[in-house]
């Protein structure tokens, strides 16, 4: 008889893990305080990129931090109460900014991001919602031609090229031909092919959760408050009731580290909050996902309108949103898409679970039998989720991984 697996967290990572386990004949239970797929992954930019494999820490990152903190567009912000934790975390981040570490992280990221498009299409097959995933390019747009040329020769793009990413450096007229809604702000771009985008990440989470339920998963809405060993298994204290589990997967994103702390884990996980506005009557549409390399936001057409998602704000996970972010994103939208209508834009904030090396904690605990980790995917959760689920499902069913999991171990910190 298949053993029970309880997954704490029903975001896109937890849902994909559940689907991979169900495919292997396991009995699965998901517990989350909210509806499945409606937290962090709900509001992202929808980019599904096998080539988003460059970590946040790269050589020379330190030079750009003051500008990002002081810019009027505030692509980076740290709330005052968070600085005591942010300083040691930031020093860890900068310590990873060597070419050797960047390349090692890129290898580990490529393993998780590479098969994402094919795996999502497999999970969506038979749901009637296969069109949620669309082929596209990922356009990295620059407001300065020299900056675009310099970036094209930089380490991050060299690594992508070495791994086979199809890329072109294009000027403004070529970019305008690809995306007529773009105004004169962008002077050049690096266009990365063989990508996809999800036109509604929140709905995809709902669809995949319903598929998991139809395959036999039990989905419980309850707030997990504590996790403790109990005999040969685990006891999960929820706000509504207590649950017993033989094996547990921790997939609660930015809330994971706090739940693991009583068990002796001290993990440098930060809640890196991101924002979006979604313009329901935008008056423009985009064929591809466009990342503004100066403003650090991504624009994409969604089922609900044109969405601009981005910003990096370090704060307590449950701190209230910063309302100023809405106007910042709206102003940036009007700068680069002159005809866009931002009136009645919907405003959203979510929490990325970020480690300094941009890699998740993934795999079995080395301290506790029956405890497994699948969290901390930083900016890459939507892309890494399906392969992370495959990796963990293989481990839980005794399949030997085809790559070593050392890069993702909790003990690396």
Protein backbone atom coordinates (compact mmCIF):
# COMPACT_ATOMS: atom_id res chain seq x y z
CA UNK A 1 0.00 0.00 0.00
CA UNK A 2 1.27 3.49 -0.83
CA UNK A 3 2.32 5.55 2.16
CA UNK A 4 0.70 8.87 2.98
CA UNK A 5 2.56 12.10 2.20
CA UNK A 6 1.35 15.37 3.73
CA UNK A 7 2.45 18.52 1.92
CA UNK A 8 2.40 21.71 3.97
CA UNK A 9 1.67 24.46 1.49
CA UNK A 10 -0.61 24.39 -1.55
CA UNK A 11 1.13 26.97 -3.69
CA UNK A 12 2.33 26.04 -7.15
CA UNK A 13 5.33 24.18 -5.65
CA UNK A 14 3.15 22.09 -3.36
CA UNK A 15 0.59 21.41 -6.09
CA UNK A 16 3.22 20.25 -8.58
CA UNK A 17 4.78 18.02 -5.93
CA UNK A 18 1.37 16.51 -5.23
CA UNK A 19 0.76 15.79 -8.92
CA UNK A 20 4.13 14.08 -9.31
CA UNK A 21 3.50 11.95 -6.22
CA UNK A 22 -0.01 11.03 -7.37
CA UNK A 23 1.37 9.95 -10.74
CA UNK A 24 3.63 7.55 -8.82
CA UNK A 25 0.74 6.03 -6.89
CA UNK A 26 1.20 7.88 -3.60
CA UNK A 27 -1.62 9.06 -1.36
CA UNK A 28 -1.32 12.79 -0.84
CA UNK A 29 -2.76 15.42 1.47
CA UNK A 30 -2.18 19.18 1.07
CA UNK A 31 -2.73 21.66 3.91
CA UNK A 32 -2.75 25.44 3.39
CA UNK A 33 -4.39 28.38 5.10
CA UNK A 34 -5.66 29.70 1.78
CA UNK A 35 -7.12 28.39 -1.44
CA UNK A 36 -4.65 26.38 -3.55
CA UNK A 37 -2.38 28.40 -5.82
CA UNK A 38 -3.61 31.79 -4.64
CA UNK A 39 -0.60 33.11 -2.71
CA UNK A 40 2.84 34.01 -4.10
CA UNK A 41 2.54 32.31 -7.49
CA UNK A 42 -0.88 33.91 -8.07
CA UNK A 43 0.57 37.33 -8.77
CA UNK A 44 3.82 36.77 -10.61
CA UNK A 45 4.61 37.80 -14.16
CA UNK A 46 3.76 34.40 -15.64
CA UNK A 47 7.17 33.83 -17.22
CA UNK A 48 8.07 30.15 -17.71
CA UNK A 49 11.67 30.35 -18.76
CA UNK A 50 14.11 27.46 -19.13
CA UNK A 51 16.80 30.14 -19.47
CA UNK A 52 16.15 32.11 -16.26
CA UNK A 53 19.12 30.35 -14.73
CA UNK A 54 21.28 33.24 -13.56
CA UNK A 55 21.24 33.78 -9.76
CA UNK A 56 20.64 37.17 -8.21
CA UNK A 57 24.28 37.29 -7.04
CA UNK A 58 26.66 37.87 -9.95
CA UNK A 59 30.09 39.55 -10.13
CA UNK A 60 29.80 43.30 -9.59
CA UNK A 61 26.30 43.20 -8.09
CA UNK A 62 27.45 45.41 -5.21
CA UNK A 63 27.94 48.33 -7.61
CA UNK A 64 24.26 48.43 -8.56
CA UNK A 65 22.75 48.18 -5.06
CA UNK A 66 23.02 51.89 -4.06
CA UNK A 67 21.37 52.96 -7.31
CA UNK A 68 18.51 50.50 -6.86
CA UNK A 69 17.93 51.64 -3.27
CA UNK A 70 18.04 55.35 -4.11
CA UNK A 71 16.22 55.32 -7.46
CA UNK A 72 12.91 57.12 -7.66
CA UNK A 73 11.40 53.92 -9.02
CA UNK A 74 12.54 52.04 -5.91
CA UNK A 75 13.25 48.66 -7.54
CA UNK A 76 14.86 47.67 -4.21
CA UNK A 77 13.70 48.67 -0.73
CA UNK A 78 14.35 47.48 2.81
CA UNK A 79 11.97 48.36 5.63
CA UNK A 80 13.67 49.69 8.74
CA UNK A 81 12.72 46.81 11.03
CA UNK A 82 14.26 44.32 8.59
CA UNK A 83 17.78 45.81 8.39
CA UNK A 84 19.19 43.73 11.31
CA UNK A 85 18.38 40.54 9.35
CA UNK A 86 19.02 42.08 5.95
CA UNK A 87 22.66 43.01 6.56
CA UNK A 88 23.94 39.45 7.22
CA UNK A 89 21.68 38.10 4.47
CA UNK A 90 22.99 40.70 2.03
CA UNK A 91 26.59 39.88 2.90
CA UNK A 92 25.87 36.21 2.18
CA UNK A 93 24.33 37.26 -1.14
CA UNK A 94 27.39 39.29 -2.14
CA UNK A 95 29.67 36.43 -1.12
CA UNK A 96 28.05 34.34 -3.86
CA UNK A 97 28.91 36.96 -6.50
CA UNK A 98 31.98 35.28 -7.97
CA UNK A 99 32.12 33.69 -11.42
CA UNK A 100 32.74 30.26 -9.93
CA UNK A 101 29.71 30.45 -7.65
CA UNK A 102 27.54 32.04 -10.32
CA UNK A 103 28.30 29.19 -12.71
CA UNK A 104 27.67 26.55 -10.04
CA UNK A 105 24.32 28.13 -9.14
CA UNK A 106 23.39 28.39 -12.83
CA UNK A 107 24.02 24.66 -13.27
CA UNK A 108 21.74 23.87 -10.33
CA UNK A 109 19.08 26.31 -11.54
CA UNK A 110 19.19 24.92 -15.08
CA UNK A 111 18.35 21.45 -13.76
CA UNK A 112 15.14 22.81 -12.22
CA UNK A 113 14.15 25.40 -14.84
CA UNK A 114 15.05 23.48 -18.00
CA UNK A 115 12.05 21.11 -18.29
CA UNK A 116 9.44 23.52 -16.91
CA UNK A 117 7.46 24.11 -20.12
CA UNK A 118 7.16 20.42 -20.97
CA UNK A 119 6.23 19.48 -17.41
CA UNK A 120 3.50 22.13 -17.16
CA UNK A 121 2.05 20.93 -20.44
CA UNK A 122 2.05 17.39 -19.09
CA UNK A 123 0.29 18.48 -15.90
CA UNK A 124 -2.29 20.51 -17.84
CA UNK A 125 -2.98 17.74 -20.35
CA UNK A 126 -6.59 16.60 -20.18
CA UNK A 127 -7.80 19.50 -18.06
CA UNK A 128 -9.27 21.50 -20.93
CA UNK A 129 -7.05 24.43 -19.93
CA UNK A 130 -3.95 23.59 -21.93
CA UNK A 131 -4.01 27.07 -23.53
CA UNK A 132 -2.93 28.61 -20.21
CA UNK A 133 0.63 28.00 -21.43
CA UNK A 134 1.67 29.84 -24.59
CA UNK A 135 4.96 29.85 -26.47
CA UNK A 136 6.70 33.23 -26.43
CA UNK A 137 9.99 35.04 -26.23
CA UNK A 138 11.41 36.72 -23.15
CA UNK A 139 12.49 40.25 -24.07
CA UNK A 140 15.08 41.88 -21.82
CA UNK A 141 14.62 45.53 -22.73
CA UNK A 142 17.15 48.31 -22.16
CA UNK A 143 16.81 52.08 -22.25
CA UNK A 144 20.39 52.46 -23.46
CA UNK A 145 21.93 50.71 -26.48
CA UNK A 146 25.42 50.61 -24.99
CA UNK A 147 24.04 48.97 -21.83
CA UNK A 148 22.34 46.31 -23.95
CA UNK A 149 25.54 45.55 -25.85
CA UNK A 150 27.54 45.36 -22.63
CA UNK A 151 24.97 43.05 -21.07
CA UNK A 152 24.99 40.76 -24.09
CA UNK A 153 28.70 40.16 -23.46
CA UNK A 154 28.32 39.76 -19.70
CA UNK A 155 28.68 36.55 -17.72
CA UNK A 156 24.98 35.85 -17.33
CA UNK A 157 24.23 35.92 -21.04
CA UNK A 158 27.44 34.04 -21.84
CA UNK A 159 26.32 31.25 -19.54
CA UNK A 160 22.92 31.13 -21.24
CA UNK A 161 24.60 30.98 -24.66
CA UNK A 162 26.93 28.20 -23.53
CA UNK A 163 23.90 26.17 -22.45
CA UNK A 164 22.17 26.67 -25.79
CA UNK A 165 19.76 29.56 -25.26
CA UNK A 166 18.67 31.13 -28.57
CA UNK A 167 19.38 34.86 -28.17
CA UNK A 168 19.51 37.95 -30.37
CA UNK A 169 20.50 41.54 -29.70
CA UNK A 170 17.96 43.79 -31.46
CA UNK A 171 17.60 47.55 -31.94
CA UNK A 172 14.54 49.71 -31.35
CA UNK A 173 12.94 49.28 -34.83
CA UNK A 174 13.17 45.48 -34.55
CA UNK A 175 11.78 45.59 -31.05
CA UNK A 176 8.94 47.84 -32.18
CA UNK A 177 8.10 45.36 -34.91
CA UNK A 178 7.85 42.58 -32.35
CA UNK A 179 5.85 44.64 -29.85
CA UNK A 180 4.05 47.63 -31.43
CA UNK A 181 2.85 48.86 -28.01
CA UNK A 182 6.40 49.78 -27.00
CA UNK A 183 7.27 53.46 -27.06
CA UNK A 184 10.66 55.16 -27.54
CA UNK A 185 11.94 54.44 -24.02
CA UNK A 186 13.47 51.10 -24.96
CA UNK A 187 16.41 51.55 -27.33
CA UNK A 188 17.55 47.92 -27.59
CA UNK A 189 16.78 44.47 -26.23
CA UNK A 190 18.11 40.96 -25.81
CA UNK A 191 15.46 38.56 -27.10
CA UNK A 192 15.58 35.06 -25.64
CA UNK A 193 13.62 32.40 -27.51
CA UNK A 194 12.26 28.96 -26.56
CA UNK A 195 10.24 30.40 -23.67
CA UNK A 196 6.62 30.28 -22.59
CA UNK A 197 4.25 32.33 -20.50
CA UNK A 198 1.22 31.55 -18.38
CA UNK A 199 -1.72 33.85 -19.06
CA UNK A 200 -3.24 33.34 -15.60
CA UNK A 201 -1.00 31.81 -12.90
CA UNK A 202 -3.76 31.92 -10.30
CA UNK A 203 -6.19 30.03 -12.51
CA UNK A 204 -3.49 27.52 -13.43
CA UNK A 205 -3.02 26.85 -9.71
CA UNK A 206 -6.76 26.23 -9.36
CA UNK A 207 -6.86 23.96 -12.41
CA UNK A 208 -3.90 21.86 -11.27
CA UNK A 209 -5.23 21.64 -7.72
CA UNK A 210 -8.54 20.33 -9.08
CA UNK A 211 -6.66 17.78 -11.17
CA UNK A 212 -4.81 16.67 -8.04
CA UNK A 213 -8.12 16.38 -6.17
CA UNK A 214 -9.59 14.33 -9.02
CA UNK A 215 -6.56 12.02 -8.81
CA UNK A 216 -7.26 11.43 -5.12
CA UNK A 217 -5.49 14.22 -3.24
CA UNK A 218 -7.07 15.51 -0.06
CA UNK A 219 -6.89 19.31 0.12
CA UNK A 220 -7.48 20.88 3.55
CA UNK A 221 -7.79 24.59 4.28
CA UNK A 222 -6.23 25.20 7.69
CA UNK A 223 -3.44 27.35 9.08
CA UNK A 224 -0.41 25.27 10.06
CA UNK A 225 1.00 26.53 13.36
CA UNK A 226 3.53 23.90 14.44
CA UNK A 227 5.26 20.73 13.30
CA UNK A 228 6.63 18.21 15.81
CA UNK A 229 8.00 14.66 15.67
CA UNK A 230 5.55 12.06 17.01
CA UNK A 231 6.70 8.46 17.33
CA UNK A 232 7.73 7.26 13.87
CA UNK A 233 5.90 10.11 12.16
CA UNK A 234 4.86 13.72 12.58
CA UNK A 235 2.16 15.76 14.25
CA UNK A 236 0.93 18.91 12.52
CA UNK A 237 -0.87 21.46 14.66
CA UNK A 238 -3.38 23.41 12.61
CA UNK A 239 -5.55 26.27 13.79
CA UNK A 240 -8.64 24.09 13.36
CA UNK A 241 -7.31 20.66 14.36
CA UNK A 242 -4.27 18.40 14.65
CA UNK A 243 -3.08 16.02 11.92
CA UNK A 244 -0.85 12.96 12.02
CA UNK A 245 1.47 12.23 9.10
CA UNK A 246 3.95 9.50 8.20
CA UNK A 247 5.96 11.79 5.90
CA UNK A 248 5.87 15.57 5.57
CA UNK A 249 6.95 17.90 2.77
CA UNK A 250 7.60 21.48 3.89
CA UNK A 251 6.52 23.69 0.97
CA UNK A 252 5.23 26.80 2.72
CA UNK A 253 7.43 29.31 0.95
CA UNK A 254 8.36 32.36 3.01
CA UNK A 255 6.70 30.87 6.13
CA UNK A 256 8.74 27.64 6.07
CA UNK A 257 11.78 28.77 8.06
CA UNK A 258 9.74 29.93 11.07
CA UNK A 259 7.99 26.56 11.33
CA UNK A 260 11.31 24.72 11.12
CA UNK A 261 13.11 26.87 13.70
CA UNK A 262 11.77 24.95 16.74
CA UNK A 263 13.26 21.80 15.16
CA UNK A 264 16.72 23.38 15.20
CA UNK A 265 16.96 24.69 11.63
CA UNK A 266 18.44 28.17 11.21
CA UNK A 267 17.97 29.05 7.57
CA UNK A 268 18.71 32.46 5.96
CA UNK A 269 15.30 32.75 4.29
CA UNK A 270 13.94 36.23 3.63
CA UNK A 271 10.49 37.36 2.58
CA UNK A 272 11.30 39.31 -0.58
CA UNK A 273 8.04 40.97 -1.39
CA UNK A 274 6.98 41.69 -4.96
CA UNK A 275 4.10 43.77 -6.33
CA UNK A 276 2.00 43.95 -9.43
CA UNK A 277 -0.62 46.07 -11.06
CA UNK A 278 -2.96 44.55 -13.61
CA UNK A 279 -4.71 46.90 -16.02
CA UNK A 280 -8.05 45.35 -17.07
CA UNK A 281 -8.75 47.80 -19.90
CA UNK A 282 -5.15 48.51 -20.87
CA UNK A 283 -5.83 49.42 -24.51
CA UNK A 284 -2.61 47.62 -25.51
CA UNK A 285 -1.53 44.00 -25.70
CA UNK A 286 1.81 42.20 -25.66
CA UNK A 287 2.81 39.05 -27.50
CA UNK A 288 5.78 38.28 -25.27
CA UNK A 289 6.99 38.85 -21.72
CA UNK A 290 9.09 42.03 -21.44
CA UNK A 291 11.51 42.68 -18.62
CA UNK A 292 12.58 46.27 -18.04
CA UNK A 293 16.23 45.83 -17.09
CA UNK A 294 16.40 49.27 -15.47
CA UNK A 295 13.08 49.33 -13.61
CA UNK A 296 13.28 45.61 -12.71
CA UNK A 297 9.70 44.79 -13.63
CA UNK A 298 8.13 42.40 -16.14
CA UNK A 299 5.15 43.24 -18.35
CA UNK A 300 2.92 40.60 -19.90
CA UNK A 301 -0.60 40.28 -21.27
CA UNK A 302 -2.80 38.17 -19.00
CA UNK A 303 -6.38 36.99 -19.20
CA UNK A 304 -7.28 39.86 -16.86
CA UNK A 305 -5.34 42.57 -18.69
CA UNK A 306 -1.74 43.76 -18.94
CA UNK A 307 0.21 42.96 -15.78
CA UNK A 308 3.37 44.72 -14.59
CA UNK A 309 5.06 42.74 -11.84
CA UNK A 310 8.30 43.40 -10.02
CA UNK A 311 10.00 45.35 -7.25
CA UNK A 312 11.99 43.77 -4.43
CA UNK A 313 11.01 44.87 -0.94
CA UNK A 314 12.51 43.16 2.10
CA UNK A 315 10.16 43.24 5.07
CA UNK A 316 8.41 40.97 7.54
CA UNK A 317 6.26 38.46 5.67
CA UNK A 318 2.99 39.73 7.17
CA UNK A 319 3.77 43.48 7.06
CA UNK A 320 1.15 45.51 5.14
CA UNK A 321 1.79 46.42 1.49
CA UNK A 322 3.40 49.75 0.58
CA UNK A 323 0.67 51.65 -1.32
CA UNK A 324 3.28 53.84 -3.06
CA UNK A 325 4.27 50.83 -5.17
CA UNK A 326 1.05 51.08 -7.16
CA UNK A 327 1.84 54.50 -8.56
CA UNK A 328 5.48 53.59 -9.18
CA UNK A 329 4.43 50.65 -11.35
CA UNK A 330 1.71 52.70 -13.08
CA UNK A 331 4.21 55.46 -13.89
CA UNK A 332 6.69 52.95 -15.29
CA UNK A 333 3.95 51.40 -17.39
CA UNK A 334 3.11 54.75 -18.95
CA UNK A 335 6.80 55.49 -19.61
CA UNK A 336 7.34 52.42 -21.77
CA UNK A 337 3.83 51.83 -23.17
CA UNK A 338 2.60 55.34 -24.03
CA UNK A 339 -0.94 54.24 -24.91
CA UNK A 340 -1.57 52.04 -21.88
CA UNK A 341 -4.55 52.85 -19.66
CA UNK A 342 -3.71 52.30 -15.99
CA UNK A 343 -7.05 53.53 -14.62
CA UNK A 344 -8.78 50.96 -12.38
CA UNK A 345 -5.61 48.85 -12.21
CA UNK A 346 -5.74 46.07 -9.62
CA UNK A 347 -2.95 46.17 -7.03
CA UNK A 348 -1.37 43.06 -5.45
CA UNK A 349 1.53 42.11 -3.19
CA UNK A 350 3.15 38.71 -2.62
CA UNK A 351 6.14 37.23 -0.79
CA UNK A 352 9.01 35.49 -2.54
CA UNK A 353 10.91 33.06 -0.28
CA UNK A 354 14.52 33.97 -1.04
CA UNK A 355 17.84 32.40 -0.08
CA UNK A 356 21.11 34.29 -0.76
CA UNK A 357 22.21 31.84 -3.48
CA UNK A 358 18.85 31.86 -5.37
CA UNK A 359 18.50 28.08 -4.90
CA UNK A 360 15.72 26.33 -2.99
CA UNK A 361 16.11 23.87 -0.16
CA UNK A 362 15.05 20.64 -1.83
CA UNK A 363 15.25 17.04 -0.70
CA UNK A 364 15.24 15.04 2.53
CA UNK A 365 16.17 16.43 5.92
CA UNK A 366 19.49 15.10 7.13
CA UNK A 367 18.34 15.38 10.75
CA UNK A 368 14.75 14.12 10.81
CA UNK A 369 13.41 10.97 9.25
CA UNK A 370 10.28 11.53 7.19
CA UNK A 371 10.78 15.29 6.78
CA UNK A 372 11.41 16.68 3.30
CA UNK A 373 11.99 20.20 2.00
CA UNK A 374 10.73 21.98 -1.11
CA UNK A 375 10.81 25.75 -0.55
CA UNK A 376 12.87 28.90 -1.05
CA UNK A 377 12.58 29.25 -4.84
CA UNK A 378 13.15 33.01 -4.78
CA UNK A 379 12.14 34.71 -8.08
CA UNK A 380 11.92 31.38 -9.89
CA UNK A 381 9.10 29.48 -8.17
CA UNK A 382 6.79 29.24 -11.17
CA UNK A 383 9.65 27.97 -13.34
CA UNK A 384 11.20 25.58 -10.81
CA UNK A 385 7.99 24.15 -9.34
CA UNK A 386 7.28 21.22 -11.68
CA UNK A 387 10.82 19.84 -11.73
CA UNK A 388 11.18 20.38 -7.97
CA UNK A 389 8.06 18.26 -7.58
CA UNK A 390 9.54 15.57 -9.82
CA UNK A 391 12.81 15.51 -7.88
CA UNK A 392 11.05 15.16 -4.54
CA UNK A 393 8.55 12.59 -5.81
CA UNK A 394 11.39 10.47 -7.16
CA UNK A 395 13.18 10.59 -3.83
CA UNK A 396 10.02 9.73 -1.87
CA UNK A 397 9.36 6.71 -4.10
CA UNK A 398 12.93 5.42 -4.05
CA UNK A 399 14.02 6.52 -7.52
CA UNK A 400 17.69 7.48 -7.67
CA UNK A 401 18.15 11.09 -8.87
CA UNK A 402 20.05 11.65 -12.10
CA UNK A 403 21.95 14.55 -10.53
CA UNK A 404 23.36 15.06 -7.05
CA UNK A 405 21.17 17.09 -4.69
CA UNK A 406 24.01 18.62 -2.67
CA UNK A 407 23.46 22.08 -4.14
CA UNK A 408 19.94 22.17 -2.65
CA UNK A 409 20.66 20.77 0.82
CA UNK A 410 19.66 22.75 3.90
CA UNK A 411 23.09 22.04 5.40
CA UNK A 412 24.82 24.17 2.73
CA UNK A 413 24.22 27.17 4.97
